[in-house]
């Protein structure tokens, strides 16, 4: 994966996301960016920031294409996941200590060619591929980590179709455009 970041930066990137949220909540006055001056961390890379509370999703926002330098992308997506994910109320000061932060750095999405639904099921790599599904104006994605909750490809695709606002069987009946990507992820312990 050409977008890989040295693993030793993982904990610092997680801390950057957490401190960015804490700063917005007024819990800290300054974000510590020490140790983040490597040129590799300024590359234009697509990221997602996922927040979980008690093992359940609490916010997840990101970009499928690079929208700026890595550090800025992580800061922006951390704030969006905490305060602007329309599925959840904005994160509160009291919740921050109970939230676990995950960061995903994405490869560039690539089209997945397939003739029919059965072939699509065969070509997907559970646990490895993030999937973007497009049909007309409908569009949705699941990060590779979603395979942990939905390990069966048929069920994974049905949920992805619903997320896009389509029939759960659109993956089979409507031949949507499918793109796949992989991620390097860093998880807070």
N, C-alpha and C. Protein backbone atom coordinates (compact mmCIF):
# COMPACT_ATOMS: atom_id res chain seq x y z
N UNK A 1 0.86 -1.18 0.00
CA UNK A 1 0.00 0.00 0.00
C UNK A 1 0.90 1.23 0.00
N UNK A 2 0.85 2.02 -1.04
CA UNK A 2 1.75 3.16 -1.19
C UNK A 2 1.44 4.30 -0.22
N UNK A 3 0.28 4.29 0.37
CA UNK A 3 -0.11 5.35 1.30
C UNK A 3 0.29 5.05 2.73
N UNK A 4 1.06 4.01 2.95
CA UNK A 4 1.39 3.60 4.32
C UNK A 4 2.20 4.67 5.05
N UNK A 5 1.90 4.80 6.31
CA UNK A 5 2.60 5.68 7.23
C UNK A 5 3.36 4.77 8.19
N UNK A 6 4.55 5.17 8.59
CA UNK A 6 5.31 4.37 9.55
C UNK A 6 4.46 4.12 10.79
N UNK A 7 4.42 2.87 11.23
CA UNK A 7 3.54 2.46 12.33
C UNK A 7 3.79 3.25 13.61
N UNK A 8 5.02 3.71 13.82
CA UNK A 8 5.29 4.45 15.07
C UNK A 8 4.52 5.76 15.16
N UNK A 9 4.00 6.26 14.02
CA UNK A 9 3.20 7.50 14.06
C UNK A 9 1.77 7.25 14.52
N UNK A 10 1.32 6.01 14.50
CA UNK A 10 -0.06 5.69 14.85
C UNK A 10 -0.52 6.30 16.17
N UNK A 11 0.20 6.04 17.27
CA UNK A 11 -0.25 6.62 18.55
C UNK A 11 -0.28 8.15 18.54
N UNK A 12 0.65 8.78 17.85
CA UNK A 12 0.66 10.25 17.79
C UNK A 12 -0.53 10.77 16.97
N UNK A 13 -0.89 10.07 15.89
CA UNK A 13 -2.03 10.50 15.09
C UNK A 13 -3.33 10.34 15.87
N UNK A 14 -3.43 9.25 16.63
CA UNK A 14 -4.60 9.05 17.50
C UNK A 14 -4.69 10.18 18.52
N UNK A 15 -3.54 10.51 19.12
CA UNK A 15 -3.52 11.58 20.12
C UNK A 15 -3.90 12.92 19.50
N UNK A 16 -3.43 13.16 18.27
CA UNK A 16 -3.80 14.40 17.57
C UNK A 16 -5.32 14.48 17.41
N UNK A 17 -5.95 13.40 16.98
CA UNK A 17 -7.41 13.40 16.81
C UNK A 17 -8.10 13.65 18.14
N UNK A 18 -7.68 12.95 19.19
CA UNK A 18 -8.29 13.10 20.51
C UNK A 18 -8.11 14.53 21.03
N UNK A 19 -6.89 15.06 20.92
CA UNK A 19 -6.65 16.42 21.43
C UNK A 19 -7.40 17.48 20.61
N UNK A 20 -7.59 17.24 19.32
CA UNK A 20 -8.35 18.18 18.50
C UNK A 20 -9.79 18.27 19.01
N UNK A 21 -10.36 17.11 19.35
CA UNK A 21 -11.72 17.09 19.90
C UNK A 21 -11.74 17.73 21.29
N UNK A 22 -10.76 17.39 22.13
CA UNK A 22 -10.70 17.95 23.49
C UNK A 22 -10.55 19.46 23.44
N UNK A 23 -9.77 19.96 22.49
CA UNK A 23 -9.58 21.40 22.34
C UNK A 23 -10.90 22.07 21.97
N UNK A 24 -11.65 21.49 21.06
CA UNK A 24 -12.94 22.05 20.65
C UNK A 24 -13.93 22.05 21.82
N UNK A 25 -13.82 21.04 22.67
CA UNK A 25 -14.70 20.96 23.84
C UNK A 25 -14.24 21.88 24.98
N UNK A 26 -13.10 22.54 24.81
CA UNK A 26 -12.59 23.43 25.84
C UNK A 26 -11.89 22.72 26.99
N UNK A 27 -11.54 21.45 26.79
CA UNK A 27 -10.88 20.68 27.84
C UNK A 27 -9.38 20.92 27.88
N UNK A 28 -8.80 21.32 26.73
CA UNK A 28 -7.38 21.70 26.67
C UNK A 28 -7.29 22.97 25.84
N UNK A 29 -6.23 23.74 26.08
CA UNK A 29 -6.09 25.00 25.35
C UNK A 29 -5.14 24.91 24.17
N UNK A 30 -4.30 23.87 24.15
CA UNK A 30 -3.32 23.73 23.08
C UNK A 30 -3.22 22.28 22.63
N UNK A 31 -3.07 22.08 21.33
CA UNK A 31 -2.89 20.74 20.76
C UNK A 31 -1.40 20.49 20.59
N UNK A 32 -0.92 19.38 21.12
CA UNK A 32 0.50 19.01 21.03
C UNK A 32 0.77 18.39 19.67
N UNK A 33 1.48 19.11 18.81
CA UNK A 33 1.83 18.59 17.48
C UNK A 33 3.29 18.16 17.41
N UNK A 34 3.95 18.03 18.56
CA UNK A 34 5.36 17.61 18.56
C UNK A 34 5.45 16.19 18.02
N UNK A 35 6.53 15.92 17.31
CA UNK A 35 6.73 14.59 16.73
C UNK A 35 5.94 14.34 15.47
N UNK A 36 5.28 15.38 14.95
CA UNK A 36 4.47 15.23 13.75
C UNK A 36 5.00 16.10 12.61
N UNK A 37 6.31 16.33 12.60
CA UNK A 37 6.88 17.22 11.59
C UNK A 37 7.52 16.47 10.42
N UNK A 38 7.34 15.16 10.35
CA UNK A 38 7.87 14.36 9.25
C UNK A 38 7.14 14.73 7.96
N UNK A 39 7.88 14.88 6.89
CA UNK A 39 7.30 15.24 5.59
C UNK A 39 6.25 14.22 5.14
N UNK A 40 6.42 12.95 5.51
CA UNK A 40 5.46 11.91 5.13
C UNK A 40 4.07 12.20 5.67
N UNK A 41 3.99 12.94 6.78
CA UNK A 41 2.69 13.24 7.39
C UNK A 41 2.00 14.43 6.73
N UNK A 42 2.65 15.02 5.75
CA UNK A 42 2.04 16.13 5.03
C UNK A 42 1.57 15.72 3.64
N UNK A 43 1.67 14.43 3.33
CA UNK A 43 1.18 13.96 2.03
C UNK A 43 -0.34 14.11 1.96
N UNK A 44 -0.84 14.25 0.76
CA UNK A 44 -2.28 14.33 0.52
C UNK A 44 -2.84 12.91 0.56
N UNK A 45 -3.56 12.59 1.63
CA UNK A 45 -4.11 11.25 1.80
C UNK A 45 -5.55 11.31 2.30
N UNK A 46 -6.34 10.35 1.87
CA UNK A 46 -7.73 10.25 2.33
C UNK A 46 -7.76 9.55 3.68
N UNK A 47 -8.59 10.06 4.59
CA UNK A 47 -8.68 9.48 5.93
C UNK A 47 -10.13 9.38 6.39
N UNK A 48 -10.34 8.51 7.36
CA UNK A 48 -11.59 8.45 8.11
C UNK A 48 -11.21 8.45 9.58
N UNK A 49 -12.03 9.10 10.40
CA UNK A 49 -11.89 9.01 11.85
C UNK A 49 -13.19 8.41 12.37
N UNK A 50 -13.03 7.33 13.15
CA UNK A 50 -14.17 6.62 13.72
C UNK A 50 -14.11 6.73 15.23
N UNK A 51 -15.24 7.05 15.83
CA UNK A 51 -15.36 7.12 17.29
C UNK A 51 -16.30 6.03 17.74
N UNK A 52 -15.90 5.29 18.77
CA UNK A 52 -16.75 4.24 19.33
C UNK A 52 -16.88 4.47 20.83
N UNK A 53 -18.05 4.14 21.33
CA UNK A 53 -18.32 4.25 22.77
C UNK A 53 -18.96 2.95 23.21
N UNK A 54 -18.32 2.26 24.14
CA UNK A 54 -18.82 0.97 24.59
C UNK A 54 -18.90 -0.04 23.46
N UNK A 55 -18.00 0.07 22.49
CA UNK A 55 -17.99 -0.85 21.35
C UNK A 55 -18.93 -0.48 20.23
N UNK A 56 -19.81 0.49 20.46
CA UNK A 56 -20.79 0.90 19.45
C UNK A 56 -20.31 2.17 18.73
N UNK A 57 -20.67 2.28 17.48
CA UNK A 57 -20.32 3.46 16.70
C UNK A 57 -20.87 4.72 17.37
N UNK A 58 -20.05 5.76 17.46
CA UNK A 58 -20.48 7.04 18.05
C UNK A 58 -20.26 8.19 17.07
N UNK A 59 -19.58 7.91 15.96
CA UNK A 59 -19.35 8.91 14.92
C UNK A 59 -18.31 8.38 13.95
N UNK A 60 -18.50 8.67 12.67
CA UNK A 60 -17.51 8.25 11.67
C UNK A 60 -17.66 9.16 10.46
N UNK A 61 -16.60 9.90 10.17
CA UNK A 61 -16.60 10.81 9.03
C UNK A 61 -15.23 10.72 8.36
N UNK A 62 -15.24 10.83 7.04
CA UNK A 62 -13.97 10.81 6.32
C UNK A 62 -14.12 11.23 4.88
N UNK A 63 -13.03 11.03 4.15
CA UNK A 63 -12.95 11.39 2.75
C UNK A 63 -12.51 10.16 1.97
N UNK A 64 -13.15 9.90 0.84
CA UNK A 64 -12.74 8.79 -0.01
C UNK A 64 -11.58 9.17 -0.92
N UNK A 65 -11.41 10.46 -1.13
CA UNK A 65 -10.27 10.99 -1.90
C UNK A 65 -9.57 11.99 -1.00
N UNK A 66 -8.29 12.17 -1.23
CA UNK A 66 -7.52 13.12 -0.43
C UNK A 66 -8.16 14.50 -0.49
N UNK A 67 -8.29 15.14 0.67
CA UNK A 67 -8.90 16.47 0.75
C UNK A 67 -7.94 17.44 1.43
N UNK A 68 -6.66 17.11 1.45
CA UNK A 68 -5.68 17.97 2.09
C UNK A 68 -4.59 17.12 2.71
N UNK A 69 -3.61 17.78 3.33
CA UNK A 69 -2.54 17.04 3.99
C UNK A 69 -3.08 16.13 5.10
N UNK A 70 -2.40 15.03 5.32
CA UNK A 70 -2.83 14.01 6.27
C UNK A 70 -3.22 14.58 7.63
N UNK A 71 -2.35 15.41 8.22
CA UNK A 71 -2.63 15.92 9.57
C UNK A 71 -3.90 16.77 9.59
N UNK A 72 -4.06 17.62 8.59
CA UNK A 72 -5.28 18.44 8.51
C UNK A 72 -6.51 17.57 8.31
N UNK A 73 -6.38 16.54 7.49
CA UNK A 73 -7.49 15.63 7.23
C UNK A 73 -7.93 14.93 8.52
N UNK A 74 -6.97 14.48 9.30
CA UNK A 74 -7.29 13.82 10.57
C UNK A 74 -7.98 14.80 11.53
N UNK A 75 -7.44 16.02 11.63
CA UNK A 75 -8.06 17.01 12.53
C UNK A 75 -9.49 17.33 12.08
N UNK A 76 -9.65 17.58 10.79
CA UNK A 76 -10.99 17.92 10.28
C UNK A 76 -11.98 16.78 10.48
N UNK A 77 -11.55 15.56 10.16
CA UNK A 77 -12.46 14.42 10.27
C UNK A 77 -12.75 14.06 11.72
N UNK A 78 -11.79 14.30 12.62
CA UNK A 78 -12.05 14.08 14.05
C UNK A 78 -13.16 15.01 14.53
N UNK A 79 -13.08 16.27 14.13
CA UNK A 79 -14.12 17.22 14.53
C UNK A 79 -15.47 16.88 13.90
N UNK A 80 -15.44 16.49 12.64
CA UNK A 80 -16.69 16.14 11.96
C UNK A 80 -17.33 14.90 12.60
N UNK A 81 -16.51 13.89 12.91
CA UNK A 81 -17.04 12.67 13.53
C UNK A 81 -17.61 12.96 14.92
N UNK A 82 -16.97 13.85 15.65
CA UNK A 82 -17.41 14.16 17.02
C UNK A 82 -18.65 15.05 17.05
N UNK A 83 -18.73 15.98 16.11
CA UNK A 83 -19.76 17.02 16.24
C UNK A 83 -20.74 17.13 15.07
N UNK A 84 -20.45 16.49 13.93
CA UNK A 84 -21.29 16.70 12.76
C UNK A 84 -21.75 15.44 12.05
N UNK A 85 -21.62 14.28 12.68
CA UNK A 85 -22.17 13.06 12.09
C UNK A 85 -23.67 13.10 12.36
N UNK A 86 -24.47 13.25 11.31
CA UNK A 86 -25.91 13.47 11.45
C UNK A 86 -26.63 12.32 12.15
N UNK A 87 -25.97 11.18 12.29
CA UNK A 87 -26.61 10.03 12.95
C UNK A 87 -26.58 10.15 14.47
N UNK A 88 -25.78 11.10 15.00
CA UNK A 88 -25.58 11.19 16.44
C UNK A 88 -25.67 12.64 16.90
N UNK A 89 -25.96 12.81 18.18
CA UNK A 89 -25.87 14.15 18.77
C UNK A 89 -24.39 14.50 18.92
N UNK A 90 -24.07 15.78 18.98
CA UNK A 90 -22.66 16.16 19.16
C UNK A 90 -22.08 15.56 20.45
N UNK A 91 -20.83 15.17 20.37
CA UNK A 91 -20.13 14.59 21.51
C UNK A 91 -20.05 15.62 22.64
N UNK A 92 -20.17 15.15 23.86
CA UNK A 92 -20.09 16.04 25.01
C UNK A 92 -18.77 15.85 25.75
N UNK A 93 -18.44 16.82 26.60
CA UNK A 93 -17.23 16.72 27.43
C UNK A 93 -17.23 15.44 28.25
N UNK A 94 -18.39 15.11 28.79
CA UNK A 94 -18.51 13.94 29.67
C UNK A 94 -18.25 12.63 28.92
N UNK A 95 -18.56 12.60 27.65
CA UNK A 95 -18.40 11.38 26.87
C UNK A 95 -16.97 11.13 26.39
N UNK A 96 -16.20 12.18 26.24
CA UNK A 96 -14.89 12.03 25.59
C UNK A 96 -14.03 10.95 26.23
N UNK A 97 -14.04 10.83 27.54
CA UNK A 97 -13.23 9.82 28.21
C UNK A 97 -13.67 8.39 27.92
N UNK A 98 -14.90 8.22 27.46
CA UNK A 98 -15.43 6.88 27.16
C UNK A 98 -15.31 6.51 25.68
N UNK A 99 -14.80 7.45 24.88
CA UNK A 99 -14.73 7.24 23.44
C UNK A 99 -13.37 6.68 23.05
N UNK A 100 -13.40 5.71 22.13
CA UNK A 100 -12.18 5.15 21.54
C UNK A 100 -12.07 5.70 20.12
N UNK A 101 -10.85 6.15 19.76
CA UNK A 101 -10.60 6.76 18.46
C UNK A 101 -9.88 5.78 17.54
N UNK A 102 -10.37 5.64 16.32
CA UNK A 102 -9.71 4.86 15.27
C UNK A 102 -9.47 5.78 14.08
N UNK A 103 -8.32 5.61 13.44
CA UNK A 103 -7.98 6.37 12.24
C UNK A 103 -7.71 5.39 11.12
N UNK A 104 -8.27 5.67 9.94
CA UNK A 104 -8.02 4.85 8.75
C UNK A 104 -7.43 5.75 7.67
N UNK A 105 -6.35 5.28 7.06
CA UNK A 105 -5.73 5.97 5.92
C UNK A 105 -6.01 5.10 4.70
N UNK A 106 -6.66 5.68 3.71
CA UNK A 106 -7.17 4.91 2.57
C UNK A 106 -6.25 4.92 1.36
N UNK A 107 -6.26 3.80 0.62
CA UNK A 107 -5.65 3.78 -0.70
C UNK A 107 -6.64 4.44 -1.66
N UNK A 108 -6.20 4.71 -2.86
CA UNK A 108 -7.10 5.28 -3.88
C UNK A 108 -8.10 4.20 -4.31
N UNK A 109 -9.39 4.52 -4.32
CA UNK A 109 -10.40 3.53 -4.74
C UNK A 109 -10.18 3.09 -6.19
N UNK A 110 -10.37 1.79 -6.41
CA UNK A 110 -10.21 1.20 -7.75
C UNK A 110 -11.51 0.51 -8.15
N UNK A 111 -11.93 0.66 -9.42
CA UNK A 111 -13.15 -0.03 -9.87
C UNK A 111 -12.98 -1.55 -9.77
N UNK A 112 -14.05 -2.22 -9.41
CA UNK A 112 -14.07 -3.68 -9.37
C UNK A 112 -15.00 -4.13 -10.49
N UNK A 113 -14.44 -4.78 -11.50
CA UNK A 113 -15.23 -5.25 -12.63
C UNK A 113 -15.88 -6.59 -12.27
N UNK A 114 -17.15 -6.70 -12.59
CA UNK A 114 -17.88 -7.95 -12.36
C UNK A 114 -19.04 -8.01 -13.34
N UNK A 115 -19.46 -9.23 -13.67
CA UNK A 115 -20.54 -9.42 -14.64
C UNK A 115 -21.91 -9.54 -13.96
N UNK A 116 -21.93 -10.18 -12.79
CA UNK A 116 -23.21 -10.45 -12.11
C UNK A 116 -22.96 -10.52 -10.61
N UNK A 117 -24.04 -10.55 -9.85
CA UNK A 117 -23.95 -10.53 -8.39
C UNK A 117 -23.11 -11.65 -7.81
N UNK A 118 -23.23 -12.84 -8.38
CA UNK A 118 -22.45 -13.97 -7.89
C UNK A 118 -20.95 -13.72 -8.02
N UNK A 119 -20.56 -13.15 -9.14
CA UNK A 119 -19.14 -12.85 -9.35
C UNK A 119 -18.68 -11.74 -8.39
N UNK A 120 -19.55 -10.78 -8.13
CA UNK A 120 -19.21 -9.73 -7.17
C UNK A 120 -18.93 -10.35 -5.79
N UNK A 121 -19.79 -11.26 -5.36
CA UNK A 121 -19.58 -11.92 -4.07
C UNK A 121 -18.24 -12.64 -4.02
N UNK A 122 -17.86 -13.27 -5.13
CA UNK A 122 -16.60 -14.01 -5.19
C UNK A 122 -15.38 -13.09 -5.16
N UNK A 123 -15.50 -11.91 -5.74
CA UNK A 123 -14.34 -11.01 -5.87
C UNK A 123 -14.07 -10.18 -4.62
N UNK A 124 -15.09 -9.95 -3.80
CA UNK A 124 -14.88 -9.16 -2.58
C UNK A 124 -14.01 -9.92 -1.59
N UNK A 125 -13.15 -9.20 -0.89
CA UNK A 125 -12.26 -9.81 0.09
C UNK A 125 -12.65 -9.31 1.48
N UNK A 126 -13.49 -10.10 2.19
CA UNK A 126 -13.92 -9.69 3.54
C UNK A 126 -12.73 -9.41 4.45
N UNK A 127 -12.84 -8.32 5.19
CA UNK A 127 -11.79 -7.93 6.12
C UNK A 127 -10.66 -7.16 5.47
N UNK A 128 -10.60 -7.15 4.14
CA UNK A 128 -9.52 -6.47 3.42
C UNK A 128 -10.04 -5.26 2.65
N UNK A 129 -11.13 -5.44 1.92
CA UNK A 129 -11.63 -4.40 1.04
C UNK A 129 -12.65 -3.49 1.71
N UNK A 130 -12.42 -2.19 1.59
CA UNK A 130 -13.47 -1.23 1.80
C UNK A 130 -14.23 -1.16 0.50
N UNK A 131 -15.53 -0.90 0.55
CA UNK A 131 -16.36 -0.95 -0.65
C UNK A 131 -17.15 0.35 -0.80
N UNK A 132 -17.10 0.90 -2.01
CA UNK A 132 -17.94 2.03 -2.39
C UNK A 132 -18.96 1.50 -3.39
N UNK A 133 -20.23 1.78 -3.16
CA UNK A 133 -21.30 1.35 -4.05
C UNK A 133 -21.95 2.61 -4.60
N UNK A 134 -22.11 2.67 -5.93
CA UNK A 134 -22.74 3.82 -6.58
C UNK A 134 -23.80 3.34 -7.57
N UNK A 135 -24.94 4.00 -7.54
CA UNK A 135 -25.98 3.75 -8.54
C UNK A 135 -26.75 5.05 -8.71
N UNK A 136 -26.60 5.68 -9.86
CA UNK A 136 -27.21 7.00 -10.07
C UNK A 136 -26.64 7.97 -9.04
N UNK A 137 -27.52 8.65 -8.33
CA UNK A 137 -27.07 9.59 -7.30
C UNK A 137 -26.83 8.93 -5.95
N UNK A 138 -27.23 7.67 -5.84
CA UNK A 138 -27.05 6.93 -4.58
C UNK A 138 -25.58 6.50 -4.46
N UNK A 139 -25.06 6.65 -3.25
CA UNK A 139 -23.67 6.31 -3.01
C UNK A 139 -23.48 6.03 -1.52
N UNK A 140 -22.68 5.01 -1.22
CA UNK A 140 -22.35 4.71 0.18
C UNK A 140 -21.05 3.93 0.22
N UNK A 141 -20.42 3.94 1.39
CA UNK A 141 -19.20 3.16 1.58
C UNK A 141 -19.22 2.51 2.95
N UNK A 142 -18.52 1.40 3.03
CA UNK A 142 -18.19 0.75 4.29
C UNK A 142 -16.68 0.56 4.31
N UNK A 143 -16.06 0.96 5.41
CA UNK A 143 -14.64 0.69 5.63
C UNK A 143 -14.44 -0.82 5.79
N UNK A 144 -13.22 -1.31 5.56
CA UNK A 144 -12.97 -2.75 5.75
C UNK A 144 -13.31 -3.24 7.16
N UNK A 145 -13.23 -2.36 8.15
CA UNK A 145 -13.53 -2.75 9.53
C UNK A 145 -14.99 -3.20 9.71
N UNK A 146 -15.89 -2.77 8.81
CA UNK A 146 -17.30 -3.13 8.92
C UNK A 146 -17.50 -4.64 8.70
N UNK A 147 -16.55 -5.27 8.02
CA UNK A 147 -16.63 -6.73 7.85
C UNK A 147 -16.67 -7.45 9.20
N UNK A 148 -16.12 -6.83 10.25
CA UNK A 148 -16.14 -7.46 11.58
C UNK A 148 -17.58 -7.66 12.07
N UNK A 149 -18.46 -6.70 11.76
CA UNK A 149 -19.87 -6.82 12.16
C UNK A 149 -20.70 -7.55 11.12
N UNK A 150 -20.28 -7.48 9.85
CA UNK A 150 -21.05 -8.06 8.74
C UNK A 150 -20.12 -8.95 7.90
N UNK A 151 -19.71 -10.11 8.41
CA UNK A 151 -18.69 -10.91 7.72
C UNK A 151 -19.18 -11.64 6.47
N UNK A 152 -20.48 -11.79 6.30
CA UNK A 152 -21.03 -12.48 5.14
C UNK A 152 -21.19 -11.47 3.99
N UNK A 153 -20.51 -11.67 2.84
CA UNK A 153 -20.55 -10.69 1.75
C UNK A 153 -21.96 -10.30 1.31
N UNK A 154 -22.87 -11.24 1.24
CA UNK A 154 -24.25 -10.93 0.81
C UNK A 154 -24.90 -9.95 1.79
N UNK A 155 -24.75 -10.19 3.08
CA UNK A 155 -25.35 -9.32 4.11
C UNK A 155 -24.63 -7.96 4.11
N UNK A 156 -23.31 -7.98 3.97
CA UNK A 156 -22.52 -6.74 3.88
C UNK A 156 -23.06 -5.85 2.76
N UNK A 157 -23.26 -6.44 1.58
CA UNK A 157 -23.75 -5.67 0.43
C UNK A 157 -25.19 -5.20 0.63
N UNK A 158 -26.02 -6.02 1.26
CA UNK A 158 -27.40 -5.59 1.53
C UNK A 158 -27.42 -4.37 2.43
N UNK A 159 -26.61 -4.37 3.48
CA UNK A 159 -26.54 -3.22 4.38
C UNK A 159 -25.96 -2.00 3.68
N UNK A 160 -24.98 -2.22 2.82
CA UNK A 160 -24.39 -1.10 2.07
C UNK A 160 -25.43 -0.49 1.13
N UNK A 161 -26.23 -1.32 0.48
CA UNK A 161 -27.31 -0.82 -0.39
C UNK A 161 -28.30 0.02 0.41
N UNK A 162 -28.69 -0.48 1.59
CA UNK A 162 -29.62 0.28 2.44
C UNK A 162 -29.01 1.63 2.83
N UNK A 163 -27.72 1.62 3.18
CA UNK A 163 -27.05 2.87 3.56
C UNK A 163 -27.11 3.87 2.41
N UNK A 164 -27.03 3.37 1.16
CA UNK A 164 -27.08 4.24 -0.02
C UNK A 164 -28.51 4.67 -0.36
N UNK A 165 -29.50 4.12 0.36
CA UNK A 165 -30.90 4.46 0.07
C UNK A 165 -31.49 3.61 -1.03
N UNK A 166 -30.89 2.47 -1.31
CA UNK A 166 -31.37 1.57 -2.35
C UNK A 166 -32.03 0.34 -1.74
N UNK A 167 -32.67 -0.44 -2.58
CA UNK A 167 -33.20 -1.74 -2.16
C UNK A 167 -32.04 -2.60 -1.69
N UNK A 168 -32.25 -3.44 -0.67
CA UNK A 168 -31.16 -4.28 -0.18
C UNK A 168 -30.61 -5.23 -1.25
N UNK A 169 -31.37 -5.47 -2.30
CA UNK A 169 -30.92 -6.40 -3.35
C UNK A 169 -30.39 -5.66 -4.57
N UNK A 170 -30.21 -4.35 -4.49
CA UNK A 170 -29.72 -3.57 -5.63
C UNK A 170 -28.35 -4.07 -6.09
N UNK A 171 -27.53 -4.56 -5.18
CA UNK A 171 -26.21 -5.08 -5.55
C UNK A 171 -26.33 -6.23 -6.54
N UNK A 172 -27.41 -6.97 -6.44
CA UNK A 172 -27.63 -8.14 -7.29
C UNK A 172 -28.47 -7.79 -8.51
N UNK A 173 -29.48 -6.92 -8.34
CA UNK A 173 -30.47 -6.67 -9.39
C UNK A 173 -30.18 -5.47 -10.27
N UNK A 174 -29.40 -4.51 -9.78
CA UNK A 174 -29.23 -3.25 -10.52
C UNK A 174 -27.81 -3.00 -11.02
N UNK A 175 -26.91 -3.92 -10.79
CA UNK A 175 -25.50 -3.84 -11.22
C UNK A 175 -24.89 -2.46 -10.93
N UNK A 176 -24.80 -2.10 -9.64
CA UNK A 176 -24.20 -0.81 -9.30
C UNK A 176 -22.71 -0.80 -9.58
N UNK A 177 -22.15 0.39 -9.69
CA UNK A 177 -20.70 0.53 -9.81
C UNK A 177 -20.10 0.23 -8.44
N UNK A 178 -19.05 -0.58 -8.42
CA UNK A 178 -18.38 -0.96 -7.19
C UNK A 178 -16.91 -0.55 -7.29
N UNK A 179 -16.44 0.13 -6.27
CA UNK A 179 -15.02 0.45 -6.15
C UNK A 179 -14.54 -0.12 -4.83
N UNK A 180 -13.28 -0.53 -4.80
CA UNK A 180 -12.72 -1.07 -3.57
C UNK A 180 -11.45 -0.29 -3.20
N UNK A 181 -11.14 -0.30 -1.92
CA UNK A 181 -9.94 0.33 -1.40
C UNK A 181 -9.52 -0.44 -0.16
N UNK A 182 -8.30 -0.20 0.29
CA UNK A 182 -7.80 -0.82 1.51
C UNK A 182 -7.41 0.31 2.46
N UNK A 183 -7.21 -0.04 3.72
CA UNK A 183 -6.84 0.97 4.70
C UNK A 183 -5.68 0.49 5.56
N UNK A 184 -4.94 1.47 6.05
CA UNK A 184 -4.01 1.26 7.16
C UNK A 184 -4.72 1.88 8.34
N UNK A 185 -4.95 1.08 9.37
CA UNK A 185 -5.72 1.64 10.49
C UNK A 185 -4.90 1.65 11.77
N UNK A 186 -5.19 2.64 12.57
CA UNK A 186 -4.59 2.79 13.88
C UNK A 186 -5.71 2.84 14.90
N UNK A 187 -5.62 1.99 15.91
CA UNK A 187 -6.68 1.87 16.92
C UNK A 187 -6.15 2.29 18.27
N UNK A 188 -6.95 3.08 18.95
CA UNK A 188 -6.62 3.46 20.31
C UNK A 188 -6.83 2.26 21.22
N UNK A 189 -5.92 2.06 22.13
CA UNK A 189 -6.02 0.91 23.05
C UNK A 189 -6.95 1.22 24.19
